[in-house]
């Protein structure tokens, strides 16, 4: 059974890099990406058959923390992993408080990213 993943990241190149990392694994299928929280929520309204969201924290229009709150209320089954460049405790704390299931640094290696996704799915 393949895991359905989407990415919210305002930096096109970082988003592409993350997408490439998950593409190495046969049991993960990438569904879509969004440039900010608002766009992500719009896309989820069309298709919320998603297992995991890789969510940037700092984005224009609507940041990852606000988006996480909304998504967790509407679609509690979706797991959310925050992506951050900074190991910033405040952001991470607020993200977890908003309902995020964990967080990763953006420059994570593909193998590690995969392991984290698996761990989050297995609780």
PDB file of N, CA and C in Angstrom:
ATOM      1  N   UNK A   1       0.852  -1.197   0.000  1.00  0.00           N
ATOM      2  CA  UNK A   1       0.000   0.000   0.000  1.00  0.00           C
ATOM      3  C   UNK A   1       0.880   1.237   0.000  1.00  0.00           C
ATOM      4  N   UNK A   2       0.634   2.132  -0.915  1.00  0.00           N
ATOM      5  CA  UNK A   2       1.538   3.274  -0.968  1.00  0.00           C
ATOM      6  C   UNK A   2       1.006   4.462  -0.163  1.00  0.00           C
ATOM      7  N   UNK A   3       1.919   5.154   0.446  1.00  0.00           N
ATOM      8  CA  UNK A   3       1.582   6.318   1.252  1.00  0.00           C
ATOM      9  C   UNK A   3       1.414   7.528   0.357  1.00  0.00           C
ATOM     10  N   UNK A   4       0.340   8.277   0.596  1.00  0.00           N
ATOM     11  CA  UNK A   4       0.083   9.455  -0.224  1.00  0.00           C
ATOM     12  C   UNK A   4       0.583  10.696   0.505  1.00  0.00           C
ATOM     13  N   UNK A   5       1.449  11.422  -0.196  1.00  0.00           N
ATOM     14  CA  UNK A   5       2.134  12.545   0.437  1.00  0.00           C
ATOM     15  C   UNK A   5       1.926  13.818  -0.359  1.00  0.00           C
ATOM     16  N   UNK A   6       1.820  14.948   0.347  1.00  0.00           N
ATOM     17  CA  UNK A   6       1.883  16.226  -0.346  1.00  0.00           C
ATOM     18  C   UNK A   6       2.830  17.149   0.408  1.00  0.00           C
ATOM     19  N   UNK A   7       3.266  18.177  -0.279  1.00  0.00           N
ATOM     20  CA  UNK A   7       4.285  19.089   0.246  1.00  0.00           C
ATOM     21  C   UNK A   7       3.780  20.526   0.190  1.00  0.00           C
ATOM     22  N   UNK A   8       3.985  21.261   1.277  1.00  0.00           N
ATOM     23  CA  UNK A   8       3.709  22.698   1.264  1.00  0.00           C
ATOM     24  C   UNK A   8       5.043  23.400   1.487  1.00  0.00           C
ATOM     25  N   UNK A   9       5.502  24.118   0.487  1.00  0.00           N
ATOM     26  CA  UNK A   9       6.808  24.772   0.545  1.00  0.00           C
ATOM     27  C   UNK A   9       6.812  25.935  -0.440  1.00  0.00           C
ATOM     28  N   UNK A  10       7.128  27.140   0.031  1.00  0.00           N
ATOM     29  CA  UNK A  10       7.077  28.296  -0.871  1.00  0.00           C
ATOM     30  C   UNK A  10       8.316  28.423  -1.759  1.00  0.00           C
ATOM     31  N   UNK A  11       9.406  27.739  -1.400  1.00  0.00           N
ATOM     32  CA  UNK A  11      10.599  27.790  -2.232  1.00  0.00           C
ATOM     33  C   UNK A  11      10.547  26.641  -3.239  1.00  0.00           C
ATOM     34  N   UNK A  12      10.414  27.009  -4.512  1.00  0.00           N
ATOM     35  CA  UNK A  12      10.232  26.024  -5.576  1.00  0.00           C
ATOM     36  C   UNK A  12      11.327  24.958  -5.569  1.00  0.00           C
ATOM     37  N   UNK A  13      12.585  25.403  -5.432  1.00  0.00           N
ATOM     38  CA  UNK A  13      13.715  24.470  -5.522  1.00  0.00           C
ATOM     39  C   UNK A  13      13.768  23.522  -4.331  1.00  0.00           C
ATOM     40  N   UNK A  14      13.487  24.052  -3.147  1.00  0.00           N
ATOM     41  CA  UNK A  14      13.440  23.193  -1.954  1.00  0.00           C
ATOM     42  C   UNK A  14      12.311  22.185  -2.072  1.00  0.00           C
ATOM     43  N   UNK A  15      11.167  22.658  -2.554  1.00  0.00           N
ATOM     44  CA  UNK A  15      10.023  21.764  -2.760  1.00  0.00           C
ATOM     45  C   UNK A  15      10.370  20.633  -3.709  1.00  0.00           C
ATOM     46  N   UNK A  16      11.009  20.976  -4.820  1.00  0.00           N
ATOM     47  CA  UNK A  16      11.437  19.990  -5.820  1.00  0.00           C
ATOM     48  C   UNK A  16      12.428  19.002  -5.210  1.00  0.00           C
ATOM     49  N   UNK A  17      13.360  19.514  -4.412  1.00  0.00           N
ATOM     50  CA  UNK A  17      14.378  18.662  -3.791  1.00  0.00           C
ATOM     51  C   UNK A  17      13.727  17.630  -2.869  1.00  0.00           C
ATOM     52  N   UNK A  18      12.739  18.081  -2.112  1.00  0.00           N
ATOM     53  CA  UNK A  18      12.053  17.180  -1.180  1.00  0.00           C
ATOM     54  C   UNK A  18      11.247  16.141  -1.959  1.00  0.00           C
ATOM     55  N   UNK A  19      10.607  16.622  -3.020  1.00  0.00           N
ATOM     56  CA  UNK A  19       9.826  15.726  -3.877  1.00  0.00           C
ATOM     57  C   UNK A  19      10.730  14.640  -4.462  1.00  0.00           C
ATOM     58  N   UNK A  20      11.940  15.045  -4.880  1.00  0.00           N
ATOM     59  CA  UNK A  20      12.894  14.095  -5.437  1.00  0.00           C
ATOM     60  C   UNK A  20      13.285  13.053  -4.396  1.00  0.00           C
ATOM     61  N   UNK A  21      13.506  13.508  -3.155  1.00  0.00           N
ATOM     62  CA  UNK A  21      13.896  12.567  -2.092  1.00  0.00           C
ATOM     63  C   UNK A  21      12.827  11.506  -1.879  1.00  0.00           C
ATOM     64  N   UNK A  22      11.549  11.903  -1.872  1.00  0.00           N
ATOM     65  CA  UNK A  22      10.512  10.889  -1.635  1.00  0.00           C
ATOM     66  C   UNK A  22      10.297   9.998  -2.856  1.00  0.00           C
ATOM     67  N   UNK A  23      10.713  10.471  -4.037  1.00  0.00           N
ATOM     68  CA  UNK A  23      10.497   9.690  -5.259  1.00  0.00           C
ATOM     69  C   UNK A  23      11.381   8.429  -5.326  1.00  0.00           C
ATOM     70  N   UNK A  24      12.397   8.363  -4.474  1.00  0.00           N
ATOM     71  CA  UNK A  24      13.266   7.172  -4.452  1.00  0.00           C
ATOM     72  C   UNK A  24      12.546   5.939  -3.912  1.00  0.00           C
ATOM     73  N   UNK A  25      11.429   6.157  -3.217  1.00  0.00           N
ATOM     74  CA  UNK A  25      10.793   5.045  -2.506  1.00  0.00           C
ATOM     75  C   UNK A  25       9.482   4.647  -3.175  1.00  0.00           C
ATOM     76  N   UNK A  26       9.419   3.363  -3.541  1.00  0.00           N
ATOM     77  CA  UNK A  26       8.270   2.862  -4.302  1.00  0.00           C
ATOM     78  C   UNK A  26       6.957   2.941  -3.534  1.00  0.00           C
ATOM     79  N   UNK A  27       7.041   2.870  -2.213  1.00  0.00           N
ATOM     80  CA  UNK A  27       5.794   2.831  -1.446  1.00  0.00           C
ATOM     81  C   UNK A  27       5.318   4.216  -1.006  1.00  0.00           C
ATOM     82  N   UNK A  28       5.880   5.251  -1.645  1.00  0.00           N
ATOM     83  CA  UNK A  28       5.384   6.605  -1.382  1.00  0.00           C
ATOM     84  C   UNK A  28       4.922   7.200  -2.696  1.00  0.00           C
ATOM     85  N   UNK A  29       3.701   7.706  -2.727  1.00  0.00           N
ATOM     86  CA  UNK A  29       3.299   8.388  -3.954  1.00  0.00           C
ATOM     87  C   UNK A  29       3.039   9.858  -3.657  1.00  0.00           C
ATOM     88  N   UNK A  30       3.704  10.690  -4.434  1.00  0.00           N
ATOM     89  CA  UNK A  30       3.594  12.136  -4.277  1.00  0.00           C
ATOM     90  C   UNK A  30       2.339  12.600  -4.987  1.00  0.00           C
ATOM     91  N   UNK A  31       1.446  13.314  -4.279  1.00  0.00           N
ATOM     92  CA  UNK A  31       0.177  13.728  -4.874  1.00  0.00           C
ATOM     93  C   UNK A  31       0.195  15.152  -5.417  1.00  0.00           C
ATOM     94  N   UNK A  32       0.606  16.110  -4.603  1.00  0.00           N
ATOM     95  CA  UNK A  32       0.668  17.493  -5.073  1.00  0.00           C
ATOM     96  C   UNK A  32       1.488  18.347  -4.131  1.00  0.00           C
ATOM     97  N   UNK A  33       1.791  19.558  -4.599  1.00  0.00           N
ATOM     98  CA  UNK A  33       2.483  20.487  -3.712  1.00  0.00           C
ATOM     99  C   UNK A  33       1.751  21.823  -3.746  1.00  0.00           C
ATOM    100  N   UNK A  34       2.009  22.637  -2.737  1.00  0.00           N
ATOM    101  CA  UNK A  34       1.375  23.949  -2.628  1.00  0.00           C
ATOM    102  C   UNK A  34       2.421  24.953  -2.170  1.00  0.00           C
ATOM    103  N   UNK A  35       2.212  26.215  -2.537  1.00  0.00           N
ATOM    104  CA  UNK A  35       3.183  27.263  -2.204  1.00  0.00           C
ATOM    105  C   UNK A  35       2.943  27.893  -0.835  1.00  0.00           C
ATOM    106  N   UNK A  36       1.769  27.635  -0.263  1.00  0.00           N
ATOM    107  CA  UNK A  36       1.490  28.164   1.080  1.00  0.00           C
ATOM    108  C   UNK A  36       0.316  27.401   1.688  1.00  0.00           C
ATOM    109  N   UNK A  37       0.020  27.710   2.957  1.00  0.00           N
ATOM    110  CA  UNK A  37      -1.021  26.993   3.672  1.00  0.00           C
ATOM    111  C   UNK A  37      -2.393  27.120   3.048  1.00  0.00           C
ATOM    112  N   UNK A  38      -2.701  28.315   2.560  1.00  0.00           N
ATOM    113  CA  UNK A  38      -4.026  28.554   1.974  1.00  0.00           C
ATOM    114  C   UNK A  38      -4.221  27.709   0.710  1.00  0.00           C
ATOM    115  N   UNK A  39      -3.184  27.689  -0.133  1.00  0.00           N
ATOM    116  CA  UNK A  39      -3.256  26.897  -1.367  1.00  0.00           C
ATOM    117  C   UNK A  39      -3.371  25.406  -1.028  1.00  0.00           C
ATOM    118  N   UNK A  40      -2.633  24.979  -0.023  1.00  0.00           N
ATOM    119  CA  UNK A  40      -2.676  23.582   0.409  1.00  0.00           C
ATOM    120  C   UNK A  40      -4.086  23.195   0.849  1.00  0.00           C
ATOM    121  N   UNK A  41      -4.708  24.039   1.651  1.00  0.00           N
ATOM    122  CA  UNK A  41      -6.053  23.756   2.145  1.00  0.00           C
ATOM    123  C   UNK A  41      -7.048  23.686   0.992  1.00  0.00           C
ATOM    124  N   UNK A  42      -6.893  24.567   0.025  1.00  0.00           N
ATOM    125  CA  UNK A  42      -7.724  24.524  -1.181  1.00  0.00           C
ATOM    126  C   UNK A  42      -7.586  23.195  -1.907  1.00  0.00           C
ATOM    127  N   UNK A  43      -6.353  22.718  -2.045  1.00  0.00           N
ATOM    128  CA  UNK A  43      -6.120  21.446  -2.736  1.00  0.00           C
ATOM    129  C   UNK A  43      -6.640  20.264  -1.931  1.00  0.00           C
ATOM    130  N   UNK A  44      -6.557  20.362  -0.603  1.00  0.00           N
ATOM    131  CA  UNK A  44      -7.071  19.282   0.244  1.00  0.00           C
ATOM    132  C   UNK A  44      -8.592  19.194   0.157  1.00  0.00           C
ATOM    133  N   UNK A  45      -9.244  20.328  -0.113  1.00  0.00           N
ATOM    134  CA  UNK A  45     -10.698  20.293  -0.261  1.00  0.00           C
ATOM    135  C   UNK A  45     -11.102  19.454  -1.468  1.00  0.00           C
ATOM    136  N   UNK A  46     -10.240  19.455  -2.487  1.00  0.00           N
ATOM    137  CA  UNK A  46     -10.511  18.631  -3.671  1.00  0.00           C
ATOM    138  C   UNK A  46     -10.107  17.179  -3.437  1.00  0.00           C
ATOM    139  N   UNK A  47      -9.034  16.978  -2.678  1.00  0.00           N
ATOM    140  CA  UNK A  47      -8.549  15.624  -2.418  1.00  0.00           C
ATOM    141  C   UNK A  47      -7.857  15.551  -1.067  1.00  0.00           C
ATOM    142  N   UNK A  48      -8.585  15.056  -0.045  1.00  0.00           N
ATOM    143  CA  UNK A  48      -7.947  14.921   1.258  1.00  0.00           C
ATOM    144  C   UNK A  48      -7.605  13.468   1.571  1.00  0.00           C
ATOM    145  N   UNK A  49      -7.511  12.679   0.504  1.00  0.00           N
ATOM    146  CA  UNK A  49      -7.060  11.301   0.653  1.00  0.00           C
ATOM    147  C   UNK A  49      -5.529  11.306   0.689  1.00  0.00           C
ATOM    148  N   UNK A  50      -4.995  11.854   1.772  1.00  0.00           N
ATOM    149  CA  UNK A  50      -3.554  12.077   1.938  1.00  0.00           C
ATOM    150  C   UNK A  50      -3.167  11.477   3.284  1.00  0.00           C
ATOM    151  N   UNK A  51      -1.995  10.862   3.335  1.00  0.00           N
ATOM    152  CA  UNK A  51      -1.518  10.285   4.592  1.00  0.00           C
ATOM    153  C   UNK A  51      -0.622  11.246   5.367  1.00  0.00           C
ATOM    154  N   UNK A  52       0.315  11.857   4.640  1.00  0.00           N
ATOM    155  CA  UNK A  52       1.298  12.720   5.309  1.00  0.00           C
ATOM    156  C   UNK A  52       1.503  14.014   4.523  1.00  0.00           C
ATOM    157  N   UNK A  53       1.564  15.127   5.269  1.00  0.00           N
ATOM    158  CA  UNK A  53       1.917  16.410   4.663  1.00  0.00           C
ATOM    159  C   UNK A  53       3.290  16.806   5.187  1.00  0.00           C
ATOM    160  N   UNK A  54       4.169  17.171   4.270  1.00  0.00           N
ATOM    161  CA  UNK A  54       5.458  17.756   4.657  1.00  0.00           C
ATOM    162  C   UNK A  54       5.254  19.255   4.548  1.00  0.00           C
ATOM    163  N   UNK A  55       5.283  19.941   5.666  1.00  0.00           N
ATOM    164  CA  UNK A  55       4.825  21.330   5.739  1.00  0.00           C
ATOM    165  C   UNK A  55       5.933  22.289   6.161  1.00  0.00           C
ATOM    166  N   UNK A  56       6.198  23.242   5.301  1.00  0.00           N
ATOM    167  CA  UNK A  56       7.137  24.309   5.647  1.00  0.00           C
ATOM    168  C   UNK A  56       6.498  25.157   6.748  1.00  0.00           C
ATOM    169  N   UNK A  57       7.305  25.692   7.646  1.00  0.00           N
ATOM    170  CA  UNK A  57       6.725  26.533   8.697  1.00  0.00           C
ATOM    171  C   UNK A  57       6.503  27.954   8.202  1.00  0.00           C
ATOM    172  N   UNK A  58       7.546  28.552   7.628  1.00  0.00           N
ATOM    173  CA  UNK A  58       7.440  29.955   7.221  1.00  0.00           C
ATOM    174  C   UNK A  58       7.073  30.069   5.754  1.00  0.00           C
ATOM    175  N   UNK A  59       5.832  30.487   5.497  1.00  0.00           N
ATOM    176  CA  UNK A  59       5.364  30.683   4.123  1.00  0.00           C
ATOM    177  C   UNK A  59       4.535  31.955   4.082  1.00  0.00           C
ATOM    178  N   UNK A  60       4.471  32.597   2.900  1.00  0.00           N
ATOM    179  CA  UNK A  60       3.614  33.785   2.764  1.00  0.00           C
ATOM    180  C   UNK A  60       2.135  33.385   2.779  1.00  0.00           C
ATOM    181  N   UNK A  61       1.259  34.356   2.822  1.00  0.00           N
ATOM    182  CA  UNK A  61      -0.198  34.171   2.811  1.00  0.00           C
ATOM    183  C   UNK A  61      -0.707  33.451   4.062  1.00  0.00           C
ATOM    184  N   UNK A  62      -0.311  32.187   4.221  1.00  0.00           N
ATOM    185  CA  UNK A  62      -0.671  31.452   5.444  1.00  0.00           C
ATOM    186  C   UNK A  62       0.485  30.533   5.800  1.00  0.00           C
ATOM    187  N   UNK A  63       1.011  30.699   7.014  1.00  0.00           N
ATOM    188  CA  UNK A  63       2.166  29.883   7.388  1.00  0.00           C
ATOM    189  C   UNK A  63       1.755  28.461   7.769  1.00  0.00           C
ATOM    190  N   UNK A  64       2.759  27.636   7.990  1.00  0.00           N
ATOM    191  CA  UNK A  64       2.527  26.219   8.250  1.00  0.00           C
ATOM    192  C   UNK A  64       1.835  25.949   9.567  1.00  0.00           C
ATOM    193  N   UNK A  65       2.017  26.841  10.538  1.00  0.00           N
ATOM    194  CA  UNK A  65       1.416  26.623  11.853  1.00  0.00           C
ATOM    195  C   UNK A  65      -0.096  26.823  11.793  1.00  0.00           C
ATOM    196  N   UNK A  66      -0.505  27.931  11.179  1.00  0.00           N
ATOM    197  CA  UNK A  66      -1.932  28.212  10.984  1.00  0.00           C
ATOM    198  C   UNK A  66      -2.579  27.097  10.141  1.00  0.00           C
ATOM    199  N   UNK A  67      -1.898  26.732   9.063  1.00  0.00           N
ATOM    200  CA  UNK A  67      -2.428  25.680   8.179  1.00  0.00           C
ATOM    201  C   UNK A  67      -2.578  24.363   8.938  1.00  0.00           C
ATOM    202  N   UNK A  68      -1.603  24.054   9.783  1.00  0.00           N
ATOM    203  CA  UNK A  68      -1.653  22.813  10.567  1.00  0.00           C
ATOM    204  C   UNK A  68      -2.887  22.798  11.468  1.00  0.00           C
ATOM    205  N   UNK A  69      -3.134  23.915  12.149  1.00  0.00           N
ATOM    206  CA  UNK A  69      -4.317  24.004  13.017  1.00  0.00           C
ATOM    207  C   UNK A  69      -5.591  23.685  12.250  1.00  0.00           C
ATOM    208  N   UNK A  70      -5.739  24.334  11.087  1.00  0.00           N
ATOM    209  CA  UNK A  70      -6.956  24.171  10.281  1.00  0.00           C
ATOM    210  C   UNK A  70      -7.076  22.733   9.770  1.00  0.00           C
ATOM    211  N   UNK A  71      -5.976  22.197   9.249  1.00  0.00           N
ATOM    212  CA  UNK A  71      -5.998  20.850   8.676  1.00  0.00           C
ATOM    213  C   UNK A  71      -6.287  19.807   9.754  1.00  0.00           C
ATOM    214  N   UNK A  72      -5.679  19.959  10.917  1.00  0.00           N
ATOM    215  CA  UNK A  72      -5.898  18.992  11.997  1.00  0.00           C
ATOM    216  C   UNK A  72      -7.353  19.000  12.479  1.00  0.00           C
ATOM    217  N   UNK A  73      -8.006  20.163  12.393  1.00  0.00           N
ATOM    218  CA  UNK A  73      -9.414  20.250  12.776  1.00  0.00           C
ATOM    219  C   UNK A  73     -10.295  19.570  11.725  1.00  0.00           C
ATOM    220  N   UNK A  74     -10.020  19.862  10.439  1.00  0.00           N
ATOM    221  CA  UNK A  74     -10.858  19.320   9.362  1.00  0.00           C
ATOM    222  C   UNK A  74     -10.550  17.879   9.006  1.00  0.00           C
ATOM    223  N   UNK A  75      -9.250  17.549   9.004  1.00  0.00           N
ATOM    224  CA  UNK A  75      -8.817  16.214   8.565  1.00  0.00           C
ATOM    225  C   UNK A  75      -7.862  15.607   9.594  1.00  0.00           C
ATOM    226  N   UNK A  76      -8.409  15.193  10.743  1.00  0.00           N
ATOM    227  CA  UNK A  76      -7.536  14.709  11.821  1.00  0.00           C
ATOM    228  C   UNK A  76      -6.703  13.474  11.458  1.00  0.00           C
ATOM    229  N   UNK A  77      -7.110  12.751  10.403  1.00  0.00           N
ATOM    230  CA  UNK A  77      -6.379  11.538  10.020  1.00  0.00           C
ATOM    231  C   UNK A  77      -5.034  11.840   9.349  1.00  0.00           C
ATOM    232  N   UNK A  78      -4.865  13.055   8.855  1.00  0.00           N
ATOM    233  CA  UNK A  78      -3.629  13.386   8.130  1.00  0.00           C
ATOM    234  C   UNK A  78      -2.498  13.686   9.118  1.00  0.00           C
ATOM    235  N   UNK A  79      -1.362  13.036   8.895  1.00  0.00           N
ATOM    236  CA  UNK A  79      -0.178  13.300   9.717  1.00  0.00           C
ATOM    237  C   UNK A  79       0.580  14.477   9.105  1.00  0.00           C
ATOM    238  N   UNK A  80       1.121  15.324   9.970  1.00  0.00           N
ATOM    239  CA  UNK A  80       1.855  16.496   9.465  1.00  0.00           C
ATOM    240  C   UNK A  80       3.253  16.535  10.052  1.00  0.00           C
ATOM    241  N   UNK A  81       4.241  16.581   9.158  1.00  0.00           N
ATOM    242  CA  UNK A  81       5.630  16.755   9.562  1.00  0.00           C
ATOM    243  C   UNK A  81       6.065  18.145   9.134  1.00  0.00           C
ATOM    244  N   UNK A  82       6.537  18.942  10.066  1.00  0.00           N
ATOM    245  CA  UNK A  82       6.979  20.289   9.746  1.00  0.00           C
ATOM    246  C   UNK A  82       8.385  20.242   9.176  1.00  0.00           C
ATOM    247  N   UNK A  83       8.612  21.078   8.170  1.00  0.00           N
ATOM    248  CA  UNK A  83       9.950  21.217   7.593  1.00  0.00           C
ATOM    249  C   UNK A  83      10.499  22.553   8.026  1.00  0.00           C
ATOM    250  N   UNK A  84      11.701  22.559   8.533  1.00  0.00           N
ATOM    251  CA  UNK A  84      12.262  23.824   8.960  1.00  0.00           C
ATOM    252  C   UNK A  84      13.741  23.911   8.616  1.00  0.00           C
ATOM    253  N   UNK A  85      14.200  25.111   8.316  1.00  0.00           N
ATOM    254  CA  UNK A  85      15.620  25.325   8.050  1.00  0.00           C
ATOM    255  C   UNK A  85      16.305  25.540   9.386  1.00  0.00           C
ATOM    256  N   UNK A  86      15.582  26.211  10.271  1.00  0.00           N
ATOM    257  CA  UNK A  86      16.138  26.576  11.562  1.00  0.00           C
ATOM    258  C   UNK A  86      15.651  25.593  12.593  1.00  0.00           C
ATOM    259  N   UNK A  87      16.535  25.209  13.476  1.00  0.00           N
ATOM    260  CA  UNK A  87      16.102  24.391  14.580  1.00  0.00           C
ATOM    261  C   UNK A  87      15.583  25.349  15.642  1.00  0.00           C
ATOM    262  N   UNK A  88      14.527  26.078  15.297  1.00  0.00           N
ATOM    263  CA  UNK A  88      14.035  27.142  16.169  1.00  0.00           C
ATOM    264  C   UNK A  88      12.960  26.626  17.119  1.00  0.00           C
ATOM    265  N   UNK A  89      13.285  26.614  18.406  1.00  0.00           N
ATOM    266  CA  UNK A  89      12.392  26.028  19.400  1.00  0.00           C
ATOM    267  C   UNK A  89      10.994  26.635  19.407  1.00  0.00           C
ATOM    268  N   UNK A  90      10.893  27.956  19.277  1.00  0.00           N
ATOM    269  CA  UNK A  90       9.580  28.607  19.300  1.00  0.00           C
ATOM    270  C   UNK A  90       8.687  28.101  18.179  1.00  0.00           C
ATOM    271  N   UNK A  91       9.230  28.088  16.965  1.00  0.00           N
ATOM    272  CA  UNK A  91       8.460  27.623  15.816  1.00  0.00           C
ATOM    273  C   UNK A  91       8.029  26.175  16.022  1.00  0.00           C
ATOM    274  N   UNK A  92       8.995  25.361  16.422  1.00  0.00           N
ATOM    275  CA  UNK A  92       8.728  23.943  16.592  1.00  0.00           C
ATOM    276  C   UNK A  92       7.672  23.728  17.675  1.00  0.00           C
ATOM    277  N   UNK A  93       7.816  24.423  18.794  1.00  0.00           N
ATOM    278  CA  UNK A  93       6.854  24.310  19.892  1.00  0.00           C
ATOM    279  C   UNK A  93       5.452  24.685  19.420  1.00  0.00           C
ATOM    280  N   UNK A  94       5.341  25.802  18.708  1.00  0.00           N
ATOM    281  CA  UNK A  94       4.036  26.251  18.204  1.00  0.00           C
ATOM    282  C   UNK A  94       3.454  25.271  17.192  1.00  0.00           C
ATOM    283  N   UNK A  95       4.326  24.691  16.385  1.00  0.00           N
ATOM    284  CA  UNK A  95       3.876  23.718  15.388  1.00  0.00           C
ATOM    285  C   UNK A  95       3.308  22.474  16.071  1.00  0.00           C
ATOM    286  N   UNK A  96       4.001  21.992  17.092  1.00  0.00           N
ATOM    287  CA  UNK A  96       3.541  20.807  17.812  1.00  0.00           C
ATOM    288  C   UNK A  96       2.225  21.127  18.541  1.00  0.00           C
ATOM    289  N   UNK A  97       2.165  22.331  19.122  1.00  0.00           N
ATOM    290  CA  UNK A  97       0.949  22.768  19.805  1.00  0.00           C
ATOM    291  C   UNK A  97      -0.223  22.813  18.818  1.00  0.00           C
ATOM    292  N   UNK A  98       0.060  23.195  17.576  1.00  0.00           N
ATOM    293  CA  UNK A  98      -0.986  23.286  16.548  1.00  0.00           C
ATOM    294  C   UNK A  98      -1.428  21.902  16.074  1.00  0.00           C
ATOM    295  N   UNK A  99      -0.679  20.876  16.452  1.00  0.00           N
ATOM    296  CA  UNK A  99      -1.080  19.518  16.087  1.00  0.00           C
ATOM    297  C   UNK A  99      -0.119  18.768  15.186  1.00  0.00           C
ATOM    298  N   UNK A 100       1.043  19.367  14.889  1.00  0.00           N
ATOM    299  CA  UNK A 100       2.013  18.673  14.032  1.00  0.00           C
ATOM    300  C   UNK A 100       2.481  17.391  14.715  1.00  0.00           C
ATOM    301  N   UNK A 101       2.801  16.381  13.915  1.00  0.00           N
ATOM    302  CA  UNK A 101       3.218  15.095  14.452  1.00  0.00           C
ATOM    303  C   UNK A 101       4.726  14.986  14.634  1.00  0.00           C
ATOM    304  N   UNK A 102       5.457  15.993  14.167  1.00  0.00           N
ATOM    305  CA  UNK A 102       6.906  15.976  14.292  1.00  0.00           C
ATOM    306  C   UNK A 102       7.503  17.031  13.388  1.00  0.00           C
ATOM    307  N   UNK A 103       8.823  17.119  13.403  1.00  0.00           N
ATOM    308  CA  UNK A 103       9.454  18.092  12.514  1.00  0.00           C
ATOM    309  C   UNK A 103      10.794  17.579  12.015  1.00  0.00           C
ATOM    310  N   UNK A 104      11.198  18.085  10.859  1.00  0.00           N
ATOM    311  CA  UNK A 104      12.441  17.675  10.207  1.00  0.00           C
ATOM    312  C   UNK A 104      13.170  18.903   9.714  1.00  0.00           C
ATOM    313  N   UNK A 105      14.487  18.794   9.639  1.00  0.00           N
ATOM    314  CA  UNK A 105      15.251  19.857   8.995  1.00  0.00           C
ATOM    315  C   UNK A 105      15.209  19.610   7.489  1.00  0.00           C
ATOM    316  N   UNK A 106      15.137  20.707   6.718  1.00  0.00           N
ATOM    317  CA  UNK A 106      14.953  20.577   5.268  1.00  0.00           C
ATOM    318  C   UNK A 106      16.072  19.825   4.557  1.00  0.00           C
ATOM    319  N   UNK A 107      17.301  19.934   5.093  1.00  0.00           N
ATOM    320  CA  UNK A 107      18.394  19.270   4.366  1.00  0.00           C
ATOM    321  C   UNK A 107      18.571  17.803   4.757  1.00  0.00           C
ATOM    322  N   UNK A 108      17.524  17.223   5.308  1.00  0.00           N
ATOM    323  CA  UNK A 108      17.543  15.809   5.703  1.00  0.00           C
ATOM    324  C   UNK A 108      17.835  14.904   4.503  1.00  0.00           C
ATOM    325  N   UNK A 109      18.560  13.817   4.749  1.00  0.00           N
ATOM    326  CA  UNK A 109      18.848  12.856   3.680  1.00  0.00           C
ATOM    327  C   UNK A 109      17.589  12.049   3.374  1.00  0.00           C
ATOM    328  N   UNK A 110      17.512  11.582   2.129  1.00  0.00           N
ATOM    329  CA  UNK A 110      16.334  10.839   1.672  1.00  0.00           C
ATOM    330  C   UNK A 110      15.999   9.664   2.599  1.00  0.00           C
ATOM    331  N   UNK A 111      17.012   8.865   2.952  1.00  0.00           N
ATOM    332  CA  UNK A 111      16.799   7.702   3.816  1.00  0.00           C
ATOM    333  C   UNK A 111      16.150   8.079   5.148  1.00  0.00           C
ATOM    334  N   UNK A 112      16.695   9.144   5.736  1.00  0.00           N
ATOM    335  CA  UNK A 112      16.190   9.606   7.033  1.00  0.00           C
ATOM    336  C   UNK A 112      14.762  10.132   6.903  1.00  0.00           C
ATOM    337  N   UNK A 113      14.516  10.874   5.842  1.00  0.00           N
ATOM    338  CA  UNK A 113      13.181  11.416   5.586  1.00  0.00           C
ATOM    339  C   UNK A 113      12.181  10.259   5.516  1.00  0.00           C
ATOM    340  N   UNK A 114      12.558   9.233   4.766  1.00  0.00           N
ATOM    341  CA  UNK A 114      11.715   8.057   4.599  1.00  0.00           C
ATOM    342  C   UNK A 114      11.422   7.398   5.950  1.00  0.00           C
ATOM    343  N   UNK A 115      12.476   7.252   6.764  1.00  0.00           N
ATOM    344  CA  UNK A 115      12.310   6.637   8.074  1.00  0.00           C
ATOM    345  C   UNK A 115      11.361   7.446   8.968  1.00  0.00           C
ATOM    346  N   UNK A 116      11.497   8.764   8.904  1.00  0.00           N
ATOM    347  CA  UNK A 116      10.623   9.634   9.706  1.00  0.00           C
ATOM    348  C   UNK A 116       9.165   9.511   9.266  1.00  0.00           C
ATOM    349  N   UNK A 117       8.958   9.435   7.959  1.00  0.00           N
ATOM    350  CA  UNK A 117       7.596   9.285   7.431  1.00  0.00           C
ATOM    351  C   UNK A 117       7.000   7.963   7.923  1.00  0.00           C
ATOM    352  N   UNK A 118       7.804   6.899   7.859  1.00  0.00           N
ATOM    353  CA  UNK A 118       7.356   5.592   8.349  1.00  0.00           C
ATOM    354  C   UNK A 118       7.007   5.649   9.830  1.00  0.00           C
ATOM    355  N   UNK A 119       7.886   6.282  10.614  1.00  0.00           N
ATOM    356  CA  UNK A 119       7.675   6.365  12.063  1.00  0.00           C
ATOM    357  C   UNK A 119       6.379   7.091  12.396  1.00  0.00           C
ATOM    358  N   UNK A 120       6.139   8.200  11.685  1.00  0.00           N
ATOM    359  CA  UNK A 120       4.930   8.976  11.938  1.00  0.00           C
ATOM    360  C   UNK A 120       3.683   8.161  11.598  1.00  0.00           C
ATOM    361  N   UNK A 121       3.758   7.371  10.540  1.00  0.00           N
ATOM    362  CA  UNK A 121       2.614   6.552  10.155  1.00  0.00           C
ATOM    363  C   UNK A 121       2.362   5.435  11.170  1.00  0.00           C
ATOM    364  N   UNK A 122       3.434   4.962  11.780  1.00  0.00           N
ATOM    365  CA  UNK A 122       3.291   3.890  12.768  1.00  0.00           C
ATOM    366  C   UNK A 122       3.072   4.445  14.172  1.00  0.00           C
ATOM    367  N   UNK A 123       2.798   5.727  14.253  1.00  0.00           N
ATOM    368  CA  UNK A 123       2.531   6.371  15.537  1.00  0.00           C
ATOM    369  C   UNK A 123       3.831   6.613  16.294  1.00  0.00           C
TER     370      UNK A 123
END
